[in-house]
Amino acid sequence: MGLRPMVCVAQDYFQGKIIDDLRLRKTILELPDNKTEYLPGYLHLVPGVPVLLTENLATELGLSNGTRRIFHQLVYEESSADIQFQDKNFPTNTKFITQPKYALVEFPNCKLDSELAEL
């Protein structure tokens, strides 16, 4: 398919400051999820994968908690340094994203077109 694997890496903070020590970050990222309140350190992103809304965004438009949608693209800030995590779980060409902005998600059954005029 020719797509470069993309992984969004969690940004961990200690006393309000981002942890920038790569060795400490790697140690934190390797913690089991039961030690991180079930939040993953790595989020694997694949275009076309189903995603689940976890908040009621606009229930009148069908954008409610538990609704399945389709992930297409992550928009992110390019980092000045191409951070690579030496992790045998990822292919060598994996793009690690540390500054995500937002995700483009398809809402195929959203009532936005039909209900927009009524809002």
PDB file of N, CA and C in Angstrom:
ATOM      1  N   MET A   1       0.813  -1.188   0.000  1.00  0.00           N
ATOM      2  CA  MET A   1       0.000   0.000   0.000  1.00  0.00           C
ATOM      3  C   MET A   1       0.863   1.262   0.000  1.00  0.00           C
ATOM      4  N   GLY A   2       2.087   1.172   0.508  1.00  0.00           N
ATOM      5  CA  GLY A   2       2.996   2.299   0.442  1.00  0.00           C
ATOM      6  C   GLY A   2       2.800   3.368   1.501  1.00  0.00           C
ATOM      7  N   LEU A   3       2.002   3.122   2.520  1.00  0.00           N
ATOM      8  CA  LEU A   3       1.787   4.112   3.578  1.00  0.00           C
ATOM      9  C   LEU A   3       2.854   3.962   4.655  1.00  0.00           C
ATOM     10  N   ARG A   4       3.359   5.084   5.126  1.00  0.00           N
ATOM     11  CA  ARG A   4       4.318   5.075   6.228  1.00  0.00           C
ATOM     12  C   ARG A   4       3.553   4.935   7.536  1.00  0.00           C
ATOM     13  N   PRO A   5       3.927   3.975   8.389  1.00  0.00           N
ATOM     14  CA  PRO A   5       3.225   3.834   9.672  1.00  0.00           C
ATOM     15  C   PRO A   5       3.372   5.098  10.511  1.00  0.00           C
ATOM     16  N   MET A   6       2.263   5.515  11.147  1.00  0.00           N
ATOM     17  CA  MET A   6       2.264   6.699  12.000  1.00  0.00           C
ATOM     18  C   MET A   6       1.811   6.310  13.399  1.00  0.00           C
ATOM     19  N   VAL A   7       2.524   6.802  14.389  1.00  0.00           N
ATOM     20  CA  VAL A   7       2.190   6.534  15.782  1.00  0.00           C
ATOM     21  C   VAL A   7       2.225   7.856  16.534  1.00  0.00           C
ATOM     22  N   CYS A   8       1.123   8.164  17.204  1.00  0.00           N
ATOM     23  CA  CYS A   8       1.053   9.366  18.033  1.00  0.00           C
ATOM     24  C   CYS A   8       1.570   8.989  19.423  1.00  0.00           C
ATOM     25  N   VAL A   9       2.566   9.721  19.898  1.00  0.00           N
ATOM     26  CA  VAL A   9       3.221   9.419  21.166  1.00  0.00           C
ATOM     27  C   VAL A   9       2.667  10.333  22.252  1.00  0.00           C
ATOM     28  N   ALA A  10       2.321   9.744  23.396  1.00  0.00           N
ATOM     29  CA  ALA A  10       1.795  10.524  24.521  1.00  0.00           C
ATOM     30  C   ALA A  10       2.826  11.541  24.992  1.00  0.00           C
ATOM     31  N   GLN A  11       2.337  12.705  25.385  1.00  0.00           N
ATOM     32  CA  GLN A  11       3.190  13.750  25.955  1.00  0.00           C
ATOM     33  C   GLN A  11       2.995  13.727  27.469  1.00  0.00           C
ATOM     34  N   ASP A  12       4.007  13.314  28.180  1.00  0.00           N
ATOM     35  CA  ASP A  12       3.914  13.214  29.630  1.00  0.00           C
ATOM     36  C   ASP A  12       4.518  14.444  30.296  1.00  0.00           C
ATOM     37  N   TYR A  13       3.876  14.850  31.390  1.00  0.00           N
ATOM     38  CA  TYR A  13       4.303  16.031  32.136  1.00  0.00           C
ATOM     39  C   TYR A  13       4.584  15.638  33.581  1.00  0.00           C
ATOM     40  N   PHE A  14       5.515  16.347  34.197  1.00  0.00           N
ATOM     41  CA  PHE A  14       5.795  16.181  35.612  1.00  0.00           C
ATOM     42  C   PHE A  14       5.903  17.567  36.217  1.00  0.00           C
ATOM     43  N   GLN A  15       5.073  17.840  37.216  1.00  0.00           N
ATOM     44  CA  GLN A  15       5.004  19.146  37.874  1.00  0.00           C
ATOM     45  C   GLN A  15       4.823  20.274  36.858  1.00  0.00           C
ATOM     46  N   GLY A  16       3.953  20.041  35.882  1.00  0.00           N
ATOM     47  CA  GLY A  16       3.610  21.062  34.900  1.00  0.00           C
ATOM     48  C   GLY A  16       4.602  21.247  33.773  1.00  0.00           C
ATOM     49  N   LYS A  17       5.680  20.486  33.768  1.00  0.00           N
ATOM     50  CA  LYS A  17       6.689  20.612  32.712  1.00  0.00           C
ATOM     51  C   LYS A  17       6.752  19.316  31.911  1.00  0.00           C
ATOM     52  N   ILE A  18       6.893  19.476  30.590  1.00  0.00           N
ATOM     53  CA  ILE A  18       6.973  18.299  29.731  1.00  0.00           C
ATOM     54  C   ILE A  18       8.265  17.535  30.015  1.00  0.00           C
ATOM     55  N   ILE A  19       8.174  16.229  29.988  1.00  0.00           N
ATOM     56  CA  ILE A  19       9.351  15.387  30.203  1.00  0.00           C
ATOM     57  C   ILE A  19      10.104  15.300  28.883  1.00  0.00           C
ATOM     58  N   ASP A  20      11.321  15.836  28.861  1.00  0.00           N
ATOM     59  CA  ASP A  20      12.087  15.818  27.617  1.00  0.00           C
ATOM     60  C   ASP A  20      13.288  14.874  27.657  1.00  0.00           C
ATOM     61  N   ASP A  21      13.520  14.230  28.782  1.00  0.00           N
ATOM     62  CA  ASP A  21      14.579  13.221  28.883  1.00  0.00           C
ATOM     63  C   ASP A  21      14.108  11.977  28.129  1.00  0.00           C
ATOM     64  N   LEU A  22      14.757  11.660  27.006  1.00  0.00           N
ATOM     65  CA  LEU A  22      14.304  10.553  26.156  1.00  0.00           C
ATOM     66  C   LEU A  22      14.298   9.216  26.879  1.00  0.00           C
ATOM     67  N   ARG A  23      15.259   8.994  27.761  1.00  0.00           N
ATOM     68  CA  ARG A  23      15.313   7.724  28.491  1.00  0.00           C
ATOM     69  C   ARG A  23      14.123   7.587  29.443  1.00  0.00           C
ATOM     70  N   LEU A  24      13.793   8.664  30.141  1.00  0.00           N
ATOM     71  CA  LEU A  24      12.647   8.656  31.049  1.00  0.00           C
ATOM     72  C   LEU A  24      11.342   8.515  30.264  1.00  0.00           C
ATOM     73  N   ARG A  25      11.227   9.228  29.132  1.00  0.00           N
ATOM     74  CA  ARG A  25      10.021   9.115  28.297  1.00  0.00           C
ATOM     75  C   ARG A  25       9.824   7.680  27.831  1.00  0.00           C
ATOM     76  N   LYS A  26      10.903   7.038  27.396  1.00  0.00           N
ATOM     77  CA  LYS A  26      10.808   5.659  26.917  1.00  0.00           C
ATOM     78  C   LYS A  26      10.344   4.737  28.044  1.00  0.00           C
ATOM     79  N   THR A  27      10.877   4.946  29.246  1.00  0.00           N
ATOM     80  CA  THR A  27      10.478   4.132  30.398  1.00  0.00           C
ATOM     81  C   THR A  27       8.989   4.303  30.688  1.00  0.00           C
ATOM     82  N   ILE A  28       8.508   5.536  30.659  1.00  0.00           N
ATOM     83  CA  ILE A  28       7.087   5.800  30.917  1.00  0.00           C
ATOM     84  C   ILE A  28       6.219   5.176  29.827  1.00  0.00           C
ATOM     85  N   LEU A  29       6.651   5.291  28.571  1.00  0.00           N
ATOM     86  CA  LEU A  29       5.874   4.737  27.462  1.00  0.00           C
ATOM     87  C   LEU A  29       5.782   3.221  27.520  1.00  0.00           C
ATOM     88  N   GLU A  30       6.734   2.569  28.165  1.00  0.00           N
ATOM     89  CA  GLU A  30       6.736   1.112  28.263  1.00  0.00           C
ATOM     90  C   GLU A  30       5.922   0.590  29.445  1.00  0.00           C
ATOM     91  N   LEU A  31       5.385   1.492  30.265  1.00  0.00           N
ATOM     92  CA  LEU A  31       4.571   1.052  31.404  1.00  0.00           C
ATOM     93  C   LEU A  31       3.317   0.340  30.912  1.00  0.00           C
ATOM     94  N   PRO A  32       2.864  -0.696  31.629  1.00  0.00           N
ATOM     95  CA  PRO A  32       1.603  -1.342  31.250  1.00  0.00           C
ATOM     96  C   PRO A  32       0.435  -0.380  31.460  1.00  0.00           C
ATOM     97  N   ASP A  33      -0.626  -0.555  30.673  1.00  0.00           N
ATOM     98  CA  ASP A  33      -1.741   0.403  30.729  1.00  0.00           C
ATOM     99  C   ASP A  33      -2.444   0.440  32.079  1.00  0.00           C
ATOM    100  N   ASN A  34      -2.341  -0.615  32.891  1.00  0.00           N
ATOM    101  CA  ASN A  34      -2.977  -0.560  34.210  1.00  0.00           C
ATOM    102  C   ASN A  34      -2.216   0.362  35.165  1.00  0.00           C
ATOM    103  N   LYS A  35      -1.031   0.828  34.772  1.00  0.00           N
ATOM    104  CA  LYS A  35      -0.264   1.791  35.565  1.00  0.00           C
ATOM    105  C   LYS A  35      -0.456   3.217  35.059  1.00  0.00           C
ATOM    106  N   THR A  36      -1.172   3.385  33.942  1.00  0.00           N
ATOM    107  CA  THR A  36      -1.359   4.710  33.337  1.00  0.00           C
ATOM    108  C   THR A  36      -2.835   5.068  33.206  1.00  0.00           C
ATOM    109  N   GLU A  37      -3.655   4.528  34.090  1.00  0.00           N
ATOM    110  CA  GLU A  37      -5.103   4.759  34.061  1.00  0.00           C
ATOM    111  C   GLU A  37      -5.700   4.366  32.711  1.00  0.00           C
ATOM    112  N   TYR A  38      -5.140   3.304  32.124  1.00  0.00           N
ATOM    113  CA  TYR A  38      -5.609   2.709  30.863  1.00  0.00           C
ATOM    114  C   TYR A  38      -5.491   3.652  29.670  1.00  0.00           C
ATOM    115  N   LEU A  39      -4.581   4.610  29.759  1.00  0.00           N
ATOM    116  CA  LEU A  39      -4.287   5.485  28.625  1.00  0.00           C
ATOM    117  C   LEU A  39      -3.061   4.932  27.914  1.00  0.00           C
ATOM    118  N   PRO A  40      -3.143   4.722  26.609  1.00  0.00           N
ATOM    119  CA  PRO A  40      -1.995   4.158  25.897  1.00  0.00           C
ATOM    120  C   PRO A  40      -0.882   5.186  25.724  1.00  0.00           C
ATOM    121  N   GLY A  41       0.345   4.724  25.743  1.00  0.00           N
ATOM    122  CA  GLY A  41       1.482   5.599  25.475  1.00  0.00           C
ATOM    123  C   GLY A  41       1.639   5.861  23.992  1.00  0.00           C
ATOM    124  N   TYR A  42       1.250   4.875  23.194  1.00  0.00           N
ATOM    125  CA  TYR A  42       1.327   4.980  21.741  1.00  0.00           C
ATOM    126  C   TYR A  42      -0.065   4.800  21.154  1.00  0.00           C
ATOM    127  N   LEU A  43      -0.423   5.639  20.208  1.00  0.00           N
ATOM    128  CA  LEU A  43      -1.698   5.504  19.502  1.00  0.00           C
ATOM    129  C   LEU A  43      -1.380   5.262  18.031  1.00  0.00           C
ATOM    130  N   HIS A  44      -1.662   4.059  17.566  1.00  0.00           N
ATOM    131  CA  HIS A  44      -1.395   3.677  16.181  1.00  0.00           C
ATOM    132  C   HIS A  44      -2.484   4.269  15.296  1.00  0.00           C
ATOM    133  N   LEU A  45      -2.085   4.920  14.216  1.00  0.00           N
ATOM    134  CA  LEU A  45      -3.040   5.593  13.340  1.00  0.00           C
ATOM    135  C   LEU A  45      -2.979   5.001  11.941  1.00  0.00           C
ATOM    136  N   VAL A  46      -4.114   4.479  11.491  1.00  0.00           N
ATOM    137  CA  VAL A  46      -4.205   3.868  10.171  1.00  0.00           C
ATOM    138  C   VAL A  46      -5.421   4.454   9.466  1.00  0.00           C
ATOM    139  N   PRO A  47      -5.236   5.090   8.304  1.00  0.00           N
ATOM    140  CA  PRO A  47      -6.395   5.621   7.572  1.00  0.00           C
ATOM    141  C   PRO A  47      -7.407   4.514   7.280  1.00  0.00           C
ATOM    142  N   GLY A  48      -8.675   4.827   7.526  1.00  0.00           N
ATOM    143  CA  GLY A  48      -9.755   3.879   7.283  1.00  0.00           C
ATOM    144  C   GLY A  48     -10.185   3.086   8.500  1.00  0.00           C
ATOM    145  N   VAL A  49      -9.462   3.219   9.609  1.00  0.00           N
ATOM    146  CA  VAL A  49      -9.809   2.458  10.809  1.00  0.00           C
ATOM    147  C   VAL A  49     -11.039   3.085  11.476  1.00  0.00           C
ATOM    148  N   PRO A  50     -11.957   2.254  11.989  1.00  0.00           N
ATOM    149  CA  PRO A  50     -13.115   2.807  12.703  1.00  0.00           C
ATOM    150  C   PRO A  50     -12.682   3.429  14.031  1.00  0.00           C
ATOM    151  N   VAL A  51     -13.310   4.538  14.381  1.00  0.00           N
ATOM    152  CA  VAL A  51     -13.070   5.196  15.664  1.00  0.00           C
ATOM    153  C   VAL A  51     -14.411   5.392  16.361  1.00  0.00           C
ATOM    154  N   LEU A  52     -14.354   5.625  17.644  1.00  0.00           N
ATOM    155  CA  LEU A  52     -15.559   5.759  18.452  1.00  0.00           C
ATOM    156  C   LEU A  52     -15.559   7.118  19.138  1.00  0.00           C
ATOM    157  N   LEU A  53     -16.649   7.873  18.983  1.00  0.00           N
ATOM    158  CA  LEU A  53     -16.778   9.140  19.713  1.00  0.00           C
ATOM    159  C   LEU A  53     -16.962   8.827  21.190  1.00  0.00           C
ATOM    160  N   THR A  54     -16.335   9.609  22.040  1.00  0.00           N
ATOM    161  CA  THR A  54     -16.455   9.379  23.481  1.00  0.00           C
ATOM    162  C   THR A  54     -17.122  10.542  24.197  1.00  0.00           C
ATOM    163  N   GLU A  55     -17.666  11.485  23.420  1.00  0.00           N
ATOM    164  CA  GLU A  55     -18.386  12.620  23.998  1.00  0.00           C
ATOM    165  C   GLU A  55     -19.599  12.930  23.134  1.00  0.00           C
ATOM    166  N   ASN A  56     -20.590  13.560  23.733  1.00  0.00           N
ATOM    167  CA  ASN A  56     -21.725  14.071  22.968  1.00  0.00           C
ATOM    168  C   ASN A  56     -21.320  15.422  22.387  1.00  0.00           C
ATOM    169  N   LEU A  57     -21.008  15.452  21.092  1.00  0.00           N
ATOM    170  CA  LEU A  57     -20.595  16.703  20.446  1.00  0.00           C
ATOM    171  C   LEU A  57     -21.799  17.520  20.025  1.00  0.00           C
ATOM    172  N   ALA A  58     -22.721  16.886  19.313  1.00  0.00           N
ATOM    173  CA  ALA A  58     -23.957  17.542  18.865  1.00  0.00           C
ATOM    174  C   ALA A  58     -24.969  16.426  18.619  1.00  0.00           C
ATOM    175  N   THR A  59     -25.685  16.043  19.668  1.00  0.00           N
ATOM    176  CA  THR A  59     -26.598  14.906  19.556  1.00  0.00           C
ATOM    177  C   THR A  59     -27.679  15.124  18.510  1.00  0.00           C
ATOM    178  N   GLU A  60     -28.097  16.380  18.306  1.00  0.00           N
ATOM    179  CA  GLU A  60     -29.130  16.663  17.308  1.00  0.00           C
ATOM    180  C   GLU A  60     -28.642  16.398  15.885  1.00  0.00           C
ATOM    181  N   LEU A  61     -27.311  16.315  15.706  1.00  0.00           N
ATOM    182  CA  LEU A  61     -26.738  16.023  14.390  1.00  0.00           C
ATOM    183  C   LEU A  61     -26.257  14.581  14.277  1.00  0.00           C
ATOM    184  N   GLY A  62     -26.480  13.791  15.310  1.00  0.00           N
ATOM    185  CA  GLY A  62     -26.028  12.407  15.296  1.00  0.00           C
ATOM    186  C   GLY A  62     -24.580  12.245  15.726  1.00  0.00           C
ATOM    187  N   LEU A  63     -24.017  13.254  16.376  1.00  0.00           N
ATOM    188  CA  LEU A  63     -22.639  13.196  16.859  1.00  0.00           C
ATOM    189  C   LEU A  63     -22.659  12.974  18.366  1.00  0.00           C
ATOM    190  N   SER A  64     -22.943  11.736  18.753  1.00  0.00           N
ATOM    191  CA  SER A  64     -23.112  11.443  20.170  1.00  0.00           C
ATOM    192  C   SER A  64     -22.161  10.344  20.630  1.00  0.00           C
ATOM    193  N   ASN A  65     -22.010  10.255  21.936  1.00  0.00           N
ATOM    194  CA  ASN A  65     -21.145   9.273  22.570  1.00  0.00           C
ATOM    195  C   ASN A  65     -21.488   7.868  22.076  1.00  0.00           C
ATOM    196  N   GLY A  66     -20.459   7.114  21.671  1.00  0.00           N
ATOM    197  CA  GLY A  66     -20.662   5.741  21.218  1.00  0.00           C
ATOM    198  C   GLY A  66     -20.855   5.599  19.719  1.00  0.00           C
ATOM    199  N   THR A  67     -20.895   6.707  18.994  1.00  0.00           N
ATOM    200  CA  THR A  67     -21.096   6.659  17.551  1.00  0.00           C
ATOM    201  C   THR A  67     -19.793   6.269  16.862  1.00  0.00           C
ATOM    202  N   ARG A  68     -19.889   5.326  15.914  1.00  0.00           N
ATOM    203  CA  ARG A  68     -18.711   4.879  15.160  1.00  0.00           C
ATOM    204  C   ARG A  68     -18.512   5.762  13.937  1.00  0.00           C
ATOM    205  N   ARG A  69     -17.262   6.138  13.694  1.00  0.00           N
ATOM    206  CA  ARG A  69     -16.882   6.948  12.543  1.00  0.00           C
ATOM    207  C   ARG A  69     -15.612   6.367  11.938  1.00  0.00           C
ATOM    208  N   ILE A  70     -15.073   7.029  10.886  1.00  0.00           N
ATOM    209  CA  ILE A  70     -13.906   6.503  10.185  1.00  0.00           C
ATOM    210  C   ILE A  70     -12.770   7.534  10.210  1.00  0.00           C
ATOM    211  N   PHE A  71     -11.623   7.123  10.749  1.00  0.00           N
ATOM    212  CA  PHE A  71     -10.437   7.988  10.788  1.00  0.00           C
ATOM    213  C   PHE A  71      -9.817   8.057   9.391  1.00  0.00           C
ATOM    214  N   HIS A  72      -9.434   9.285   8.968  1.00  0.00           N
ATOM    215  CA  HIS A  72      -8.784   9.443   7.666  1.00  0.00           C
ATOM    216  C   HIS A  72      -7.376  10.009   7.758  1.00  0.00           C
ATOM    217  N   GLN A  73      -7.179  11.041   8.574  1.00  0.00           N
ATOM    218  CA  GLN A  73      -5.868  11.691   8.583  1.00  0.00           C
ATOM    219  C   GLN A  73      -5.649  12.428   9.897  1.00  0.00           C
ATOM    220  N   LEU A  74      -4.404  12.475  10.329  1.00  0.00           N
ATOM    221  CA  LEU A  74      -4.032  13.256  11.503  1.00  0.00           C
ATOM    222  C   LEU A  74      -3.293  14.497  11.031  1.00  0.00           C
ATOM    223  N   VAL A  75      -3.731  15.639  11.508  1.00  0.00           N
ATOM    224  CA  VAL A  75      -3.045  16.899  11.211  1.00  0.00           C
ATOM    225  C   VAL A  75      -2.172  17.193  12.428  1.00  0.00           C
ATOM    226  N   TYR A  76      -0.899  17.443  12.175  1.00  0.00           N
ATOM    227  CA  TYR A  76       0.037  17.606  13.278  1.00  0.00           C
ATOM    228  C   TYR A  76       1.083  18.652  12.951  1.00  0.00           C
ATOM    229  N   GLU A  77       1.706  19.140  14.010  1.00  0.00           N
ATOM    230  CA  GLU A  77       2.793  20.106  13.900  1.00  0.00           C
ATOM    231  C   GLU A  77       4.068  19.323  13.605  1.00  0.00           C
ATOM    232  N   GLU A  78       4.778  19.727  12.559  1.00  0.00           N
ATOM    233  CA  GLU A  78       6.055  19.072  12.261  1.00  0.00           C
ATOM    234  C   GLU A  78       7.052  19.423  13.356  1.00  0.00           C
ATOM    235  N   SER A  79       7.693  18.426  13.894  1.00  0.00           N
ATOM    236  CA  SER A  79       8.691  18.640  14.932  1.00  0.00           C
ATOM    237  C   SER A  79      10.006  19.049  14.283  1.00  0.00           C
ATOM    238  N   SER A  80      10.740  19.915  14.960  1.00  0.00           N
ATOM    239  CA  SER A  80      12.032  20.350  14.420  1.00  0.00           C
ATOM    240  C   SER A  80      13.021  19.187  14.369  1.00  0.00           C
ATOM    241  N   ALA A  81      12.857  18.248  15.265  1.00  0.00           N
ATOM    242  CA  ALA A  81      13.709  17.052  15.268  1.00  0.00           C
ATOM    243  C   ALA A  81      12.831  15.842  14.986  1.00  0.00           C
ATOM    244  N   ASP A  82      13.252  15.012  14.066  1.00  0.00           N
ATOM    245  CA  ASP A  82      12.493  13.803  13.748  1.00  0.00           C
ATOM    246  C   ASP A  82      12.774  12.781  14.842  1.00  0.00           C
ATOM    247  N   ILE A  83      11.895  12.748  15.830  1.00  0.00           N
ATOM    248  CA  ILE A  83      12.098  11.889  16.990  1.00  0.00           C
ATOM    249  C   ILE A  83      11.886  10.433  16.597  1.00  0.00           C
ATOM    250  N   GLN A  84      12.845   9.616  16.927  1.00  0.00           N
ATOM    251  CA  GLN A  84      12.746   8.185  16.680  1.00  0.00           C
ATOM    252  C   GLN A  84      12.891   7.463  18.011  1.00  0.00           C
ATOM    253  N   PHE A  85      11.988   6.559  18.266  1.00  0.00           N
ATOM    254  CA  PHE A  85      12.060   5.743  19.461  1.00  0.00           C
ATOM    255  C   PHE A  85      12.563   4.379  19.026  1.00  0.00           C
ATOM    256  N   GLN A  86      13.648   3.955  19.601  1.00  0.00           N
ATOM    257  CA  GLN A  86      14.217   2.660  19.242  1.00  0.00           C
ATOM    258  C   GLN A  86      13.368   1.582  19.896  1.00  0.00           C
ATOM    259  N   ASP A  87      12.348   1.164  19.200  1.00  0.00           N
ATOM    260  CA  ASP A  87      11.411   0.190  19.735  1.00  0.00           C
ATOM    261  C   ASP A  87      11.232  -0.913  18.711  1.00  0.00           C
ATOM    262  N   LYS A  88      11.502  -2.132  19.124  1.00  0.00           N
ATOM    263  CA  LYS A  88      11.416  -3.263  18.200  1.00  0.00           C
ATOM    264  C   LYS A  88       9.981  -3.566  17.778  1.00  0.00           C
ATOM    265  N   ASN A  89       9.000  -2.936  18.415  1.00  0.00           N
ATOM    266  CA  ASN A  89       7.595  -3.176  18.071  1.00  0.00           C
ATOM    267  C   ASN A  89       7.143  -2.407  16.836  1.00  0.00           C
ATOM    268  N   PHE A  90       7.957  -1.472  16.351  1.00  0.00           N
ATOM    269  CA  PHE A  90       7.571  -0.644  15.211  1.00  0.00           C
ATOM    270  C   PHE A  90       8.567  -0.809  14.073  1.00  0.00           C
ATOM    271  N   PRO A  91       8.091  -0.750  12.831  1.00  0.00           N
ATOM    272  CA  PRO A  91       9.014  -0.791  11.689  1.00  0.00           C
ATOM    273  C   PRO A  91       9.964   0.411  11.732  1.00  0.00           C
ATOM    274  N   THR A  92      11.108   0.288  11.090  1.00  0.00           N
ATOM    275  CA  THR A  92      12.115   1.349  11.137  1.00  0.00           C
ATOM    276  C   THR A  92      11.653   2.636  10.465  1.00  0.00           C
ATOM    277  N   ASN A  93      10.696   2.575   9.545  1.00  0.00           N
ATOM    278  CA  ASN A  93      10.231   3.782   8.852  1.00  0.00           C
ATOM    279  C   ASN A  93       9.027   4.444   9.529  1.00  0.00           C
ATOM    280  N   THR A  94       8.725   4.061  10.761  1.00  0.00           N
ATOM    281  CA  THR A  94       7.579   4.619  11.482  1.00  0.00           C
ATOM    282  C   THR A  94       7.780   6.104  11.759  1.00  0.00           C
ATOM    283  N   LYS A  95       6.727   6.891  11.529  1.00  0.00           N
ATOM    284  CA  LYS A  95       6.725   8.328  11.839  1.00  0.00           C
ATOM    285  C   LYS A  95       6.110   8.492  13.224  1.00  0.00           C
ATOM    286  N   PHE A  96       6.880   9.017  14.170  1.00  0.00           N
ATOM    287  CA  PHE A  96       6.392   9.248  15.526  1.00  0.00           C
ATOM    288  C   PHE A  96       5.958  10.701  15.634  1.00  0.00           C
ATOM    289  N   ILE A  97       4.709  10.916  15.991  1.00  0.00           N
ATOM    290  CA  ILE A  97       4.133  12.255  16.063  1.00  0.00           C
ATOM    291  C   ILE A  97       4.012  12.650  17.528  1.00  0.00           C
ATOM    292  N   THR A  98       4.587  13.796  17.859  1.00  0.00           N
ATOM    293  CA  THR A  98       4.557  14.251  19.253  1.00  0.00           C
ATOM    294  C   THR A  98       3.723  15.509  19.438  1.00  0.00           C
ATOM    295  N   GLN A  99       3.295  16.135  18.336  1.00  0.00           N
ATOM    296  CA  GLN A  99       2.526  17.374  18.451  1.00  0.00           C
ATOM    297  C   GLN A  99       1.278  17.323  17.567  1.00  0.00           C
ATOM    298  N   PRO A 100       0.312  16.449  17.893  1.00  0.00           N
ATOM    299  CA  PRO A 100      -0.908  16.384  17.078  1.00  0.00           C
ATOM    300  C   PRO A 100      -1.776  17.620  17.285  1.00  0.00           C
ATOM    301  N   LYS A 101      -2.507  18.010  16.242  1.00  0.00           N
ATOM    302  CA  LYS A 101      -3.442  19.140  16.341  1.00  0.00           C
ATOM    303  C   LYS A 101      -4.879  18.627  16.356  1.00  0.00           C
ATOM    304  N   TYR A 102      -5.249  17.865  15.326  1.00  0.00           N
ATOM    305  CA  TYR A 102      -6.598  17.312  15.255  1.00  0.00           C
ATOM    306  C   TYR A 102      -6.633  16.175  14.243  1.00  0.00           C
ATOM    307  N   ALA A 103      -7.711  15.409  14.285  1.00  0.00           N
ATOM    308  CA  ALA A 103      -7.896  14.291  13.362  1.00  0.00           C
ATOM    309  C   ALA A 103      -9.041  14.604  12.413  1.00  0.00           C
ATOM    310  N   LEU A 104      -8.875  14.202  11.165  1.00  0.00           N
ATOM    311  CA  LEU A 104      -9.955  14.306  10.187  1.00  0.00           C
ATOM    312  C   LEU A 104     -10.705  12.980  10.202  1.00  0.00           C
ATOM    313  N   VAL A 105     -11.976  13.057  10.559  1.00  0.00           N
ATOM    314  CA  VAL A 105     -12.802  11.869  10.733  1.00  0.00           C
ATOM    315  C   VAL A 105     -14.041  11.996   9.872  1.00  0.00           C
ATOM    316  N   GLU A 106     -14.392  10.921   9.186  1.00  0.00           N
ATOM    317  CA  GLU A 106     -15.588  10.908   8.333  1.00  0.00           C
ATOM    318  C   GLU A 106     -16.813  10.556   9.175  1.00  0.00           C
ATOM    319  N   PHE A 107     -17.870  11.314   8.961  1.00  0.00           N
ATOM    320  CA  PHE A 107     -19.145  11.084   9.633  1.00  0.00           C
ATOM    321  C   PHE A 107     -20.180  10.764   8.558  1.00  0.00           C
ATOM    322  N   PRO A 108     -20.218   9.525   8.049  1.00  0.00           N
ATOM    323  CA  PRO A 108     -21.056   9.208   6.892  1.00  0.00           C
ATOM    324  C   PRO A 108     -22.555   9.411   7.100  1.00  0.00           C
ATOM    325  N   ASN A 109     -23.071   9.205   8.280  1.00  0.00           N
ATOM    326  CA  ASN A 109     -24.516   9.322   8.507  1.00  0.00           C
ATOM    327  C   ASN A 109     -24.885  10.570   9.294  1.00  0.00           C
ATOM    328  N   CYS A 110     -23.994  11.529   9.344  1.00  0.00           N
ATOM    329  CA  CYS A 110     -24.246  12.761  10.087  1.00  0.00           C
ATOM    330  C   CYS A 110     -25.361  13.555   9.411  1.00  0.00           C
ATOM    331  N   LYS A 111     -26.196  14.186  10.206  1.00  0.00           N
ATOM    332  CA  LYS A 111     -27.327  14.965   9.695  1.00  0.00           C
ATOM    333  C   LYS A 111     -26.943  16.422   9.452  1.00  0.00           C
ATOM    334  N   LEU A 112     -25.654  16.703   9.354  1.00  0.00           N
ATOM    335  CA  LEU A 112     -25.188  18.081   9.247  1.00  0.00           C
ATOM    336  C   LEU A 112     -25.793  18.806   8.056  1.00  0.00           C
ATOM    337  N   ASP A 113     -25.784  18.208   6.860  1.00  0.00           N
ATOM    338  CA  ASP A 113     -26.327  18.875   5.673  1.00  0.00           C
ATOM    339  C   ASP A 113     -27.808  19.194   5.826  1.00  0.00           C
ATOM    340  N   SER A 114     -28.570  18.250   6.328  1.00  0.00           N
ATOM    341  CA  SER A 114     -30.017  18.444   6.407  1.00  0.00           C
ATOM    342  C   SER A 114     -30.436  19.331   7.575  1.00  0.00           C
ATOM    343  N   GLU A 115     -29.662  19.366   8.646  1.00  0.00           N
ATOM    344  CA  GLU A 115     -30.062  20.093   9.850  1.00  0.00           C
ATOM    345  C   GLU A 115     -29.329  21.425  10.026  1.00  0.00           C
ATOM    346  N   LEU A 116     -28.329  21.697   9.206  1.00  0.00           N
ATOM    347  CA  LEU A 116     -27.525  22.897   9.386  1.00  0.00           C
ATOM    348  C   LEU A 116     -28.356  24.172   9.289  1.00  0.00           C
ATOM    349  N   ALA A 117     -29.282  24.216   8.360  1.00  0.00           N
ATOM    350  CA  ALA A 117     -30.110  25.412   8.174  1.00  0.00           C
ATOM    351  C   ALA A 117     -30.999  25.683   9.391  1.00  0.00           C
ATOM    352  N   GLU A 118     -31.344  24.633  10.128  1.00  0.00           N
ATOM    353  CA  GLU A 118     -32.237  24.782  11.277  1.00  0.00           C
ATOM    354  C   GLU A 118     -31.517  25.267  12.534  1.00  0.00           C
ATOM    355  N   LEU A 119     -30.204  25.223  12.549  1.00  0.00           N
ATOM    356  CA  LEU A 119     -29.475  25.611  13.769  1.00  0.00           C
ATOM    357  C   LEU A 119     -29.382  27.107  13.921  1.00  0.00           C
TER     358      LEU A 119
END
